Structure formats: C-alpha cells, structure tokens
Amino acid sequence: MSIEIVDPVAEAEEASPDRRTLRRLGWVGWISIGVIVLALLMAVLGPILAPFDPNQGDLSFANVGPFGQHLLGFDGQGRDVLSRLLVGARTAIFGAAAVALVAVVIGTTLALVTAWFGGKVDATASVVIDVVFAFPGILLAILAAAVFGPSLFSAGLALAIAYSPYVARVLRGAALKERAMTYIAALEVQGFGAWRLCARHLLPNISSLIVAQGTILFGFAMVDLAAISFLGLGVQTPQADWGVMVSEGKTSLLQGYPLVSISAVLCIVAVVAAVSFLGDRLDTSSKAVNR
C-alpha cells in the first residue's frame, strides 16, 4: 500500500484560479502591469506632475536638447517635451479607453440580442453589421470630422461605431453557443425572462472574450486616435496629446531633432503593447481555468 504525500501549499495554489493566473503572467506580464499603472498615473496626475506649462513656449529654446529640469528638452515651439507628454497622456489613454468601452457595449448588446431572439432580428442586425463593416474606422472618423468639425469626441464616436461590428460578430458566436445550452432552456421553462438570463448567465460566461476584445480595441483606438490627431482632425494643437506631438515633431525630425516624435511614439507603442499582452494573457488564463 503506497502513501501519497500531498503538498498542501501546492494543492492550495492549484485550487486557486487567481494564483494560477498570476503565475502565468510571467515577468513580461508584470512589466506590462507596471507600464499600465505608470500610464494611468500619467493620465490622472499628468497636469499636476508636469513641471512646466505644456502650452507655453519660448522660441529661443526651440529644439534645444535636455538640460537641467527639462529632462526631454524642448519641441520646435520651445515647449517642455516632458510636460506635454505627461499632460497629453490624458486624452491619449482615456480617449482610447472610452472608444473601446463604447464599442464593446454596443457590440455586446448587439451580440446578445441577435443570439437570443434570432430569426428576423438576427438577419436585420447582420445586414446592419455588414454595412458598417464596409466603412474603415479612419474613413468614418474623417467623415465625422467633415460633418461635425474636427474634435476628439466626433472622431472617437465614429471609431466606436466602426469597431462595434467586430465585437458583435465575435461575441455572437459565443453567445449562440451558450444560448443553446440545456440549462438555458431549463431556466426558461421555470419562467426566467430574457433580460435576466442574458445578464446573469450569457454575459458572465462570455466575459473573458469581452475582456479580450476590449483590450484589442483599446490598442486599435489609441493608434487610430493618434493618427486622426496627426492629421489635424482629432485633438487640436496647441493642446497636448501624443498624436499631436508626433505631428508637431515631424518638422523637427527632418531637421535632426527626433526627440519629440520618438518620445510620443514610444509612449503609444509601450501602452498598446502592455494592454494587448496583458489582455491576451488574462484571456488565456481564464480559458485554462474554465477547462
């Protein structure tokens, strides 16, 4: 008769989904968390942490490199680059987060409605989704800027509408699969309404996929909003924004002063990469736990 020795610590860790998730993050995951936390601090406290007025410049310091308290030097208008990075994080991060959130809400609602009711509702929604699919997000944002004028709100709303069909199409399949489960039919027989079943059962069971879609859309939104601001159709200069900084820095870049554009681009790339990696890793961990 063999005696099996059980390690209570290892057993507890295996029994805890949270601990397994933390182990799967790895060192890259923890770096991603650090980048996200730093970016959020910049977005929330940027105006407080900025050592100088981000919109006030002195042309005598145009394109001067780092010195003293000016850790990243000056842009072509003689404005402190670090201050503009800190203040510009607010529109870049919160703008992208708002776009992703609105797109996920619209897409998830469409997916749940079409999966639950099916029939003509599903057919009509599919036609609407296909029509919106025909318009690229950037093009829709440019059209919104032409109609309503250049602004972050109009560009962001146009992007959210353009992104929502992608979310709806992905989530619709998962919602249909969950809708066909026998426990849903059993709850319907017991008199549970559609709203209650969707909110308490369908939605929680596809939540990991919703998180994954949200993180992907955040990356797309941040890049697209920066591109729109670069074109002068989003955040308007002299307001500090990472996309605006890339646009303003192109002249300095051609003159051999790349710090303005490079610093803004690196911030965008770092945040997008961190959010995308962490969202993908959490989604993978969630699927592993569910299995």
Foldseek 3Di string as FASTA:
>chain_A
DDDDDDDPVVVVCVVDLVNVLVVLCPPLLVVLVVLQVVLVCLQVCLQVPQPDDQADADQVQALPADDDPLRGGAHRRHGRLSSLLSPQSNCLQVLLLVLLVLLLVLLLVLLLVCLQPPDPSVVVSVVVLVVLQVADLLRQLVVQCVVVNFESVSSSVSNSSSNNSVSNVVLNVLLNVQCPDPVVVVVVVVPDDSVCCCVPPSCVVCVLVSLLSSLLSSLVSSVSQLVCVLVVRYDHPPRRHLSVQLNSRPVVVVVPSNSSNVVSVVSSVSNSVSSNSNSVSSSVSVVVVVD
